[in-house]
Protein backbone atom coordinates (compact mmCIF):
# COMPACT_ATOMS: atom_id res chain seq x y z
CA MET A 1 13.97 15.31 19.30
CA THR A 2 12.05 12.79 17.67
CA ILE A 3 8.95 14.71 15.53
CA ALA A 4 5.44 11.97 14.74
CA LYS A 5 3.33 13.05 11.92
CA ALA A 6 0.05 11.57 10.91
CA ILE A 7 -2.55 11.68 7.76
CA LEU A 8 -6.13 10.27 8.04
CA HIS A 9 -9.36 11.69 6.45
CA GLY A 10 -12.60 13.08 6.88
CA ALA A 11 -15.37 11.30 6.50
CA VAL A 12 -19.96 11.95 6.38
CA SER A 13 -22.69 10.94 8.27
CA ILE A 14 -24.60 7.72 6.62
CA VAL A 15 -26.30 7.08 10.15
CA ASN A 16 -25.58 9.30 12.59
CA ALA A 17 -25.56 7.72 15.86
CA ILE A 18 -27.47 10.23 18.23
CA ALA A 19 -30.56 9.26 18.53
CA THR A 20 -29.05 5.24 18.92
CA GLY A 21 -25.85 5.47 19.61
CA LYS A 22 -25.35 3.59 16.65
CA GLY A 23 -24.13 4.59 13.49
CA ALA A 24 -22.67 4.55 10.24
CA THR A 25 -20.01 7.12 7.73
CA LEU A 26 -18.77 7.35 5.15
CA GLY A 27 -14.30 8.28 4.43
CA ILE A 28 -13.76 11.30 2.36
CA SER A 29 -9.96 13.20 0.40
CA LEU A 30 -10.52 16.00 2.87
CA ARG A 31 -6.84 15.53 4.73
CA VAL A 32 -6.07 16.10 7.70
CA GLU A 33 -1.94 15.49 9.28
CA ALA A 34 -1.02 16.73 12.95
CA GLN A 35 2.64 16.70 13.95
CA VAL A 36 3.55 15.71 17.57
CA GLU A 37 7.32 16.40 18.29
CA ALA A 38 9.20 15.36 21.69
CA THR A 39 12.11 17.86 23.35
CA THR A 40 13.59 17.63 26.20
CA GLY A 41 11.07 19.28 29.32
CA ALA A 42 7.45 19.78 29.57
CA GLY A 43 4.36 20.71 28.93
CA ILE A 44 1.76 20.39 25.52
CA SER A 45 2.37 23.85 23.66
CA LEU A 46 -0.31 23.82 21.03
CA GLU A 47 1.21 24.77 17.57
CA ASN A 48 -0.73 26.62 14.19
CA ARG A 49 -3.87 25.22 15.54
CA GLU A 50 -7.49 24.94 13.81
CA SER A 51 -9.16 28.30 15.21
CA ASN A 52 -12.80 26.31 16.37
CA LEU A 53 -10.75 22.97 17.87
CA SER A 54 -11.00 22.84 21.43
CA SER A 55 -7.35 22.86 23.17
CA ARG A 56 -9.15 21.23 26.00
CA LEU A 57 -10.04 18.28 23.27
CA ILE A 58 -6.29 18.11 22.22
CA ARG A 59 -5.08 18.27 25.48
CA ALA A 60 -7.03 15.67 26.37
CA VAL A 61 -6.26 13.48 23.63
CA ILE A 62 -2.07 14.11 24.08
CA GLU A 63 -3.09 13.32 28.47
CA LYS A 64 -4.77 9.60 27.04
CA ALA A 65 -2.59 8.97 24.43
CA VAL A 66 0.91 9.50 26.47
CA PRO A 67 2.01 7.77 29.56
CA LYS A 68 2.60 9.93 32.32
CA ASN A 69 6.09 9.42 33.08
CA SER A 70 6.88 10.31 29.03
CA LEU A 71 4.27 13.57 29.95
CA GLU A 72 7.35 14.22 33.05
CA LYS A 73 9.86 13.71 30.92
CA PHE A 74 9.28 15.95 27.14
CA LYS A 75 7.72 18.99 26.00
CA LEU A 76 5.35 18.42 23.22
CA ASN A 77 4.94 20.77 20.41
CA VAL A 78 1.42 20.21 18.44
CA SER A 79 0.68 21.27 14.84
CA VAL A 80 -2.39 20.31 12.50
CA LYS A 81 -2.99 20.99 9.10
CA SER A 82 -6.78 19.85 8.61
CA GLU A 83 -8.63 20.46 4.83
CA ILE A 84 -12.18 20.06 6.09
CA PRO A 85 -13.96 23.51 7.73
CA SER A 86 -14.90 22.69 11.62
CA GLY A 87 -18.05 22.82 12.45
CA TYR A 88 -19.99 21.90 10.99
CA GLY A 89 -20.84 18.19 10.60
CA LEU A 90 -17.46 16.29 8.70
CA LYS A 91 -16.04 14.90 11.51
CA SER A 92 -13.04 17.11 11.65
CA SER A 93 -13.19 16.80 15.55
CA SER A 94 -12.30 13.16 15.40
CA ALA A 95 -10.23 13.03 12.09
CA ILE A 96 -7.76 15.61 14.11
CA SER A 97 -8.01 13.42 17.33
CA SER A 98 -7.75 10.94 16.09
CA ALA A 99 -4.03 11.48 14.26
CA ILE A 100 -3.27 13.24 17.55
CA SER A 101 -3.25 10.27 19.00
CA LEU A 102 -1.91 8.35 16.52
CA ALA A 103 0.65 10.51 16.63
CA CYS A 104 1.68 10.45 19.77
CA ALA A 105 1.23 6.24 20.29
CA LYS A 106 3.84 5.94 16.87
CA LEU A 107 6.54 7.78 19.22
CA PHE A 108 4.96 6.68 22.46
CA ARG A 109 3.69 3.54 22.43
CA PRO A 110 3.99 2.12 18.84
CA GLN A 111 3.36 -1.69 19.80
CA ILE A 112 -0.64 -0.54 20.56
CA ASP A 113 -3.25 -1.71 18.06
CA ASP A 114 -5.33 0.76 15.91
CA LEU A 115 -8.54 0.34 18.02
CA GLU A 116 -6.71 1.41 21.25
CA VAL A 117 -5.90 4.78 19.31
CA LEU A 118 -9.20 5.34 17.91
CA LYS A 119 -10.41 4.75 21.86
CA ASP A 120 -8.04 7.27 23.00
CA GLY A 121 -9.27 9.74 20.51
CA VAL A 122 -12.97 8.53 21.14
CA ASN A 123 -12.42 8.72 25.15
CA ALA A 124 -11.08 11.67 25.42
CA SER A 125 -13.85 13.72 22.86
CA ILE A 126 -16.41 12.30 25.42
CA GLU A 127 -14.50 13.85 28.74
CA SER A 128 -13.93 16.69 26.93
CA GLY A 129 -17.46 16.94 26.03
CA VAL A 130 -16.85 17.35 22.09
CA SER A 131 -18.88 13.65 21.40
CA ILE A 132 -21.84 13.01 23.29
CA THR A 133 -20.62 9.09 22.21
CA GLY A 134 -17.89 9.74 21.48
CA ALA A 135 -18.29 9.85 17.65
CA PHE A 136 -16.90 5.80 17.47
CA ASP A 137 -18.31 5.97 14.04
CA ASP A 138 -16.44 9.10 12.77
CA ALA A 139 -13.54 8.30 13.86
CA CYS A 140 -13.47 4.67 12.38
CA ALA A 141 -14.09 5.98 8.93
CA CYS A 142 -11.61 8.63 9.20
CA TYR A 143 -8.55 6.04 9.91
CA PHE A 144 -10.10 2.91 8.09
CA GLY A 145 -11.95 5.23 5.40
CA GLY A 146 -14.82 3.82 3.56
CA PHE A 147 -18.02 2.06 5.00
CA MET A 148 -18.43 2.27 8.70
CA VAL A 149 -21.04 0.74 10.20
CA THR A 150 -20.64 0.84 14.33
CA ASP A 151 -22.11 0.37 17.80
CA ASN A 152 -20.59 3.38 19.70
CA TYR A 153 -21.35 2.95 22.91
CA ASN A 154 -19.25 -0.54 23.11
CA LYS A 155 -16.99 0.88 20.64
CA LYS A 156 -17.66 -2.29 18.26
CA ILE A 157 -16.90 -2.11 14.33
CA ILE A 158 -19.95 -4.03 13.29
CA ARG A 159 -19.38 -4.30 9.01
CA SER A 160 -16.65 -2.68 7.72
CA GLU A 161 -15.97 -2.42 3.71
CA LYS A 162 -14.28 -0.58 0.66
CA ALA A 163 -16.72 2.30 -1.11
CA PRO A 164 -16.53 1.56 -4.93
CA GLU A 165 -13.84 4.22 -6.18
CA ASP A 166 -15.29 5.95 -8.78
CA LEU A 167 -17.75 8.03 -6.25
CA ALA A 168 -17.50 11.78 -5.63
CA VAL A 169 -19.28 13.25 -2.74
CA ALA A 170 -20.54 16.98 -3.05
CA VAL A 171 -20.69 18.79 -0.03
CA PHE A 172 -23.02 22.02 0.89
CA ILE A 173 -21.89 24.03 3.72
CA PRO A 174 -24.52 26.83 4.44
CA ARG A 175 -23.32 29.94 4.87
CA SER A 176 -25.65 30.01 8.43
CA ARG A 177 -24.51 27.35 10.81
CA LYS A 178 -27.68 27.37 12.58
CA ARG A 179 -29.05 24.41 13.60
CA GLY A 180 -31.82 22.67 15.37
CA ASN A 181 -32.01 21.13 19.45
CA ILE A 182 -29.48 17.46 18.41
CA LYS A 183 -30.93 16.04 21.51
CA LYS A 184 -34.66 15.49 19.71
CA LEU A 185 -32.99 13.88 17.13
CA LYS A 186 -33.65 11.18 19.58
CA ILE A 187 -38.02 11.32 18.71
CA LEU A 188 -37.02 9.41 15.55
CA ASP A 189 -34.92 6.85 17.95
CA GLY A 190 -36.99 3.61 16.34
CA VAL A 191 -36.41 5.82 12.70
CA PHE A 192 -32.33 6.17 12.77
CA ALA A 193 -32.82 2.01 13.62
CA GLN A 194 -34.28 0.68 10.98
CA ALA A 195 -31.58 3.12 8.94
CA TRP A 196 -28.64 1.54 10.86
CA ASN A 197 -29.93 -1.78 9.85
CA LEU A 198 -30.08 -0.92 6.56
CA ALA A 199 -26.62 0.06 6.94
CA SER A 200 -25.45 -2.52 8.49
CA ASN A 201 -27.24 -5.17 5.37
CA SER A 202 -24.87 -2.74 3.45
CA ASP A 203 -27.70 -0.52 1.96
CA TYR A 204 -26.40 2.52 2.61
CA TRP A 205 -27.92 4.68 0.27
CA ASN A 206 -32.02 4.13 1.68
CA ALA A 207 -29.63 4.36 5.01
CA MET A 208 -28.47 8.11 4.48
CA LEU A 209 -31.39 9.13 2.44
CA LEU A 210 -33.93 8.04 5.59
CA ASN A 211 -31.43 9.57 7.95
CA GLY A 212 -30.96 12.92 5.87
CA LEU A 213 -34.90 12.86 5.45
CA ALA A 214 -35.22 12.50 9.21
CA THR A 215 -32.19 14.67 10.56
CA SER A 216 -32.95 17.68 8.42
CA THR A 217 -36.92 17.48 10.01
CA ILE A 218 -35.26 18.05 13.82
CA LEU A 219 -31.82 20.07 12.25
CA ASN A 220 -33.80 22.52 10.77
CA SER A 221 -32.73 21.65 6.94
CA ASP A 222 -35.01 21.81 4.27
CA PRO A 223 -35.83 18.25 3.53
CA ARG A 224 -36.34 19.18 0.01
CA ILE A 225 -32.47 19.75 -0.69
CA LEU A 226 -32.59 15.94 -0.26
CA THR A 227 -34.97 15.85 -3.11
CA ASP A 228 -33.59 17.79 -5.74
CA LEU A 229 -30.51 15.94 -5.61
CA VAL A 230 -31.59 12.24 -6.24
CA GLU A 231 -32.99 13.38 -8.93
CA ALA A 232 -30.42 15.88 -10.07
CA GLY A 233 -28.70 11.53 -9.35
CA ALA A 234 -27.51 11.39 -6.31
CA PHE A 235 -27.87 7.73 -4.32
CA ALA A 236 -28.19 9.26 -1.65
CA ALA A 237 -28.13 13.09 0.11
CA SER A 238 -28.15 14.21 3.93
CA VAL A 239 -27.39 16.03 6.91
CA SER A 240 -23.58 15.00 7.66
CA GLY A 241 -23.13 14.71 11.59
CA ASN A 242 -25.06 17.27 13.22
CA GLY A 243 -24.98 19.59 10.37
CA PRO A 244 -25.37 22.45 9.00
CA ALA A 245 -23.54 20.26 5.92
CA ILE A 246 -24.91 18.44 3.23
CA ALA A 247 -23.22 15.78 1.59
CA ALA A 248 -24.48 14.05 -1.37
CA ILE A 249 -23.10 11.20 -2.89
CA ALA A 250 -23.32 10.50 -6.66
CA LYS A 251 -20.94 9.09 -9.42
CA LYS A 252 -17.66 11.19 -10.76
CA ASP A 253 -19.30 12.07 -13.77
CA THR A 254 -23.05 13.28 -12.07
CA ALA A 255 -21.35 15.34 -9.46
CA PRO A 256 -21.45 19.00 -11.96
CA ASN A 257 -25.92 17.97 -11.87
CA LEU A 258 -25.56 17.89 -7.60
CA LYS A 259 -23.10 21.79 -8.02
CA LYS A 260 -25.44 22.88 -9.86
CA ILE A 261 -28.67 22.16 -7.21
CA PHE A 262 -26.07 23.13 -4.20
CA SER A 263 -25.63 26.77 -6.08
CA ARG A 264 -29.19 27.51 -5.65
CA HIS A 265 -28.21 27.99 -2.16
CA GLU A 266 -25.85 30.56 -0.05
CA GLY A 267 -22.63 28.96 1.15
CA MET A 268 -19.27 26.98 -0.22
CA ILE A 269 -19.49 23.30 -2.43
CA ILE A 270 -16.70 21.14 -2.07
CA ILE A 271 -16.71 17.87 -4.12
CA SER A 272 -14.28 15.49 -2.77
CA ASN A 273 -13.25 11.54 -3.69
CA ILE A 274 -13.82 8.93 -1.26
CA ASN A 275 -10.71 7.91 0.88
CA ASN A 276 -10.55 4.22 1.28
CA LYS A 277 -6.98 4.49 2.48
CA LYS A 278 -5.79 4.25 6.12
CA ALA A 279 -4.53 6.25 8.61
CA GLU A 280 -0.87 6.75 8.35
CA VAL A 281 1.49 7.72 10.48
CA TYR A 282 5.51 8.28 9.75
CA GLU A 283 8.72 8.84 12.23
CA MET A 284 10.06 11.54 10.61
């Protein structure tokens, strides 16, 4: 019997990749643990599975990450613990799929590199219908931490750098999950291209704010909350992913001001630190 445990973190959007296939993200400290146990037998058993995460995605990741002859020899027991609320645009699917891919690689293909680990999770996300672009930007920020600017369609990292440690991320999770049609984001592809160009030149806050103003008008968020957050001291604020969560970045001592803005609305508020740590994996 062998067991591997992988630890990754969540992320928030700087630039949504749906419109252009190019995105940017920032790692946050909300944590995910995936444990894969290999025993004699065959089949895949999912324990303590996050209720909103597709079992189809988890199986697709395993089928990508584990060689076929190993799948025929071993029964795999998979368990996941996550601090990331799922279904709100905080990259829980990317974090979990990448964590499972990394744990499987530790057990069965320890020689493969980080990008191969990520691509297994990304390709499984596309094939299982969880993501349109594969969310390579999300997977990179969850795996490597810090700022990540990517070309999702070509699975290339364009820019990566650590974020200042004195920042906090205030995340608002609205009570209503209602959001608009994400396919309509392509109407503003020129705007998202401009936001991505800003991010690729390390102008992350203007990129995030431009992204937020564009996404909020299409995905049924009130853009006025973004300007209220900036007025209260945020460097930037945006709908994260396809929403409905809203994320705002500020100095840690300004985070209480952001909480006050969010508290005017119905929902939950999470204050998270930045994450600059790369994914970890252990054989137990």
